[in-house]
């Protein structure tokens, strides 16, 4: 399974999270846009730091199955000065929606870590919170 399939599956799933319907998705990995269009009041992006792939069919001569495991972050932004309650509420709703689910393309979501928020999580006029999502997916071939 390609990283493009993972990204597509995650973006599709996040499009179904009701609390994110008022947020603009910014695909910062595939274009040069790093912040939302003027007038946006909230936005989110997905960050994929790394994943590892291991063969899981060792000892099974007829199989060639591989497992990719990793983590991605759903990074939710609101204007600085609104406080952390709105950010943390959105993060908890994302956690509840994703935890223990299977996305299209066979992406299995496991643990979804509680968000952390402190003063370091600001970028200019935006405050943000990260939701860490653990996943795995298997592929044959």
Protein backbone atom coordinates (compact mmCIF):
# COMPACT_ATOMS: atom_id res chain seq x y z
CA UNK A 1 0.00 0.00 0.00
CA UNK A 2 1.37 3.36 -0.92
CA UNK A 3 1.63 6.43 1.25
CA UNK A 4 -0.80 8.09 -1.19
CA UNK A 5 -3.43 5.48 -0.25
CA UNK A 6 -2.84 6.16 3.45
CA UNK A 7 -3.18 9.92 2.91
CA UNK A 8 -6.35 9.50 0.85
CA UNK A 9 -7.92 7.17 3.43
CA UNK A 10 -7.14 9.54 6.29
CA UNK A 11 -8.41 12.62 4.45
CA UNK A 12 -11.66 10.82 3.53
CA UNK A 13 -12.21 9.72 7.14
CA UNK A 14 -11.51 13.18 8.54
CA UNK A 15 -14.04 14.61 6.08
CA UNK A 16 -16.66 12.61 7.99
CA UNK A 17 -15.79 14.06 11.42
CA UNK A 18 -18.67 16.41 12.13
CA UNK A 19 -16.65 18.79 14.31
CA UNK A 20 -14.20 19.39 11.43
CA UNK A 21 -16.89 20.44 8.94
CA UNK A 22 -16.36 24.08 9.95
CA UNK A 23 -12.59 23.74 9.50
CA UNK A 24 -10.68 24.17 6.24
CA UNK A 25 -8.39 21.26 5.30
CA UNK A 26 -4.95 22.47 4.21
CA UNK A 27 -2.91 19.84 2.39
CA UNK A 28 0.46 21.27 3.37
CA UNK A 29 2.41 18.21 2.20
CA UNK A 30 1.27 18.32 -1.43
CA UNK A 31 1.26 22.03 -2.22
CA UNK A 32 2.91 25.22 -1.10
CA UNK A 33 -0.05 26.50 0.92
CA UNK A 34 0.95 26.40 4.58
CA UNK A 35 -1.92 28.44 6.02
CA UNK A 36 -5.60 28.75 5.09
CA UNK A 37 -7.08 31.32 2.77
CA UNK A 38 -7.79 34.78 4.12
CA UNK A 39 -10.93 34.88 6.21
CA UNK A 40 -10.64 31.31 7.53
CA UNK A 41 -11.35 31.00 11.22
CA UNK A 42 -10.14 27.45 11.74
CA UNK A 43 -8.18 24.84 9.80
CA UNK A 44 -6.45 21.51 10.12
CA UNK A 45 -3.76 19.53 8.38
CA UNK A 46 -2.31 16.04 8.67
CA UNK A 47 1.39 15.43 9.31
CA UNK A 48 2.98 12.07 8.51
CA UNK A 49 6.40 11.92 10.23
CA UNK A 50 7.36 8.32 9.40
CA UNK A 51 6.29 4.71 9.24
CA UNK A 52 8.16 1.43 9.23
CA UNK A 53 7.57 -1.65 7.13
CA UNK A 54 8.31 -5.23 8.18
CA UNK A 55 7.61 -8.57 6.58
CA UNK A 56 5.02 -10.39 8.67
CA UNK A 57 4.84 -13.60 6.67
CA UNK A 58 8.22 -14.99 7.74
CA UNK A 59 7.93 -18.78 8.02
CA UNK A 60 5.01 -18.91 5.60
CA UNK A 61 6.68 -19.80 2.27
CA UNK A 62 3.67 -19.06 0.07
CA UNK A 63 2.99 -15.63 1.48
CA UNK A 64 4.60 -12.26 0.92
CA UNK A 65 2.75 -10.05 3.40
CA UNK A 66 4.15 -6.76 4.68
CA UNK A 67 2.93 -4.54 7.49
CA UNK A 68 3.40 -0.79 7.66
CA UNK A 69 3.06 0.72 11.13
CA UNK A 70 3.34 4.34 12.05
CA UNK A 71 1.72 7.42 13.42
CA UNK A 72 0.26 10.55 11.93
CA UNK A 73 -0.83 13.78 13.56
CA UNK A 74 -4.07 15.64 12.97
CA UNK A 75 -3.01 19.24 13.67
CA UNK A 76 -5.97 21.51 14.44
CA UNK A 77 -5.57 25.32 14.32
CA UNK A 78 -7.67 28.17 15.75
CA UNK A 79 -6.83 31.87 16.03
CA UNK A 80 -4.56 32.64 18.97
CA UNK A 81 -6.46 34.21 21.83
CA UNK A 82 -9.57 32.00 21.61
CA UNK A 83 -8.26 29.81 24.40
CA UNK A 84 -7.65 26.11 24.47
CA UNK A 85 -11.17 24.81 25.16
CA UNK A 86 -12.34 24.88 21.52
CA UNK A 87 -9.13 23.21 20.32
CA UNK A 88 -9.23 20.48 22.94
CA UNK A 89 -12.93 19.81 22.31
CA UNK A 90 -12.30 19.34 18.57
CA UNK A 91 -9.29 17.11 19.35
CA UNK A 92 -11.36 14.88 21.65
CA UNK A 93 -14.05 14.50 18.98
CA UNK A 94 -11.41 13.48 16.42
CA UNK A 95 -10.03 10.95 18.93
CA UNK A 96 -13.47 9.47 19.56
CA UNK A 97 -14.23 9.20 15.85
CA UNK A 98 -10.96 7.53 14.81
CA UNK A 99 -10.05 5.29 17.75
CA UNK A 100 -10.34 1.58 16.92
CA UNK A 101 -11.67 2.05 13.38
CA UNK A 102 -10.67 0.63 10.01
CA UNK A 103 -10.42 3.15 7.18
CA UNK A 104 -10.73 2.48 3.47
CA UNK A 105 -7.73 0.73 2.00
CA UNK A 106 -7.29 -1.48 5.07
CA UNK A 107 -5.82 1.20 7.35
CA UNK A 108 -6.37 0.04 10.94
CA UNK A 109 -6.46 2.78 13.56
CA UNK A 110 -5.35 1.76 17.03
CA UNK A 111 -4.67 4.10 19.90
CA UNK A 112 -5.31 7.80 19.52
CA UNK A 113 -3.29 9.70 22.11
CA UNK A 114 -4.82 12.48 24.21
CA UNK A 115 -3.97 15.92 22.88
CA UNK A 116 -1.48 18.14 24.66
CA UNK A 117 -1.72 21.90 24.66
CA UNK A 118 0.62 24.51 26.03
CA UNK A 119 1.96 27.92 25.09
CA UNK A 120 4.58 26.44 22.75
CA UNK A 121 1.86 25.42 20.31
CA UNK A 122 1.52 28.68 18.43
CA UNK A 123 2.48 29.73 14.91
CA UNK A 124 2.04 33.45 14.39
CA UNK A 125 -1.63 34.24 14.84
CA UNK A 126 -2.64 30.56 15.19
CA UNK A 127 -2.70 28.19 18.15
CA UNK A 128 -2.78 24.46 17.50
CA UNK A 129 -3.10 21.06 19.09
CA UNK A 130 -1.85 17.72 17.77
CA UNK A 131 -3.82 14.48 17.91
CA UNK A 132 -1.40 11.53 17.55
CA UNK A 133 -2.97 8.58 15.71
CA UNK A 134 -1.32 5.14 15.60
CA UNK A 135 -2.05 2.96 12.56
CA UNK A 136 -1.05 -0.19 10.70
CA UNK A 137 -1.88 -1.60 7.29
CA UNK A 138 -0.98 -4.85 5.56
CA UNK A 139 -0.16 -5.43 1.93
CA UNK A 140 0.66 -8.54 -0.06
CA UNK A 141 3.29 -8.34 -2.74
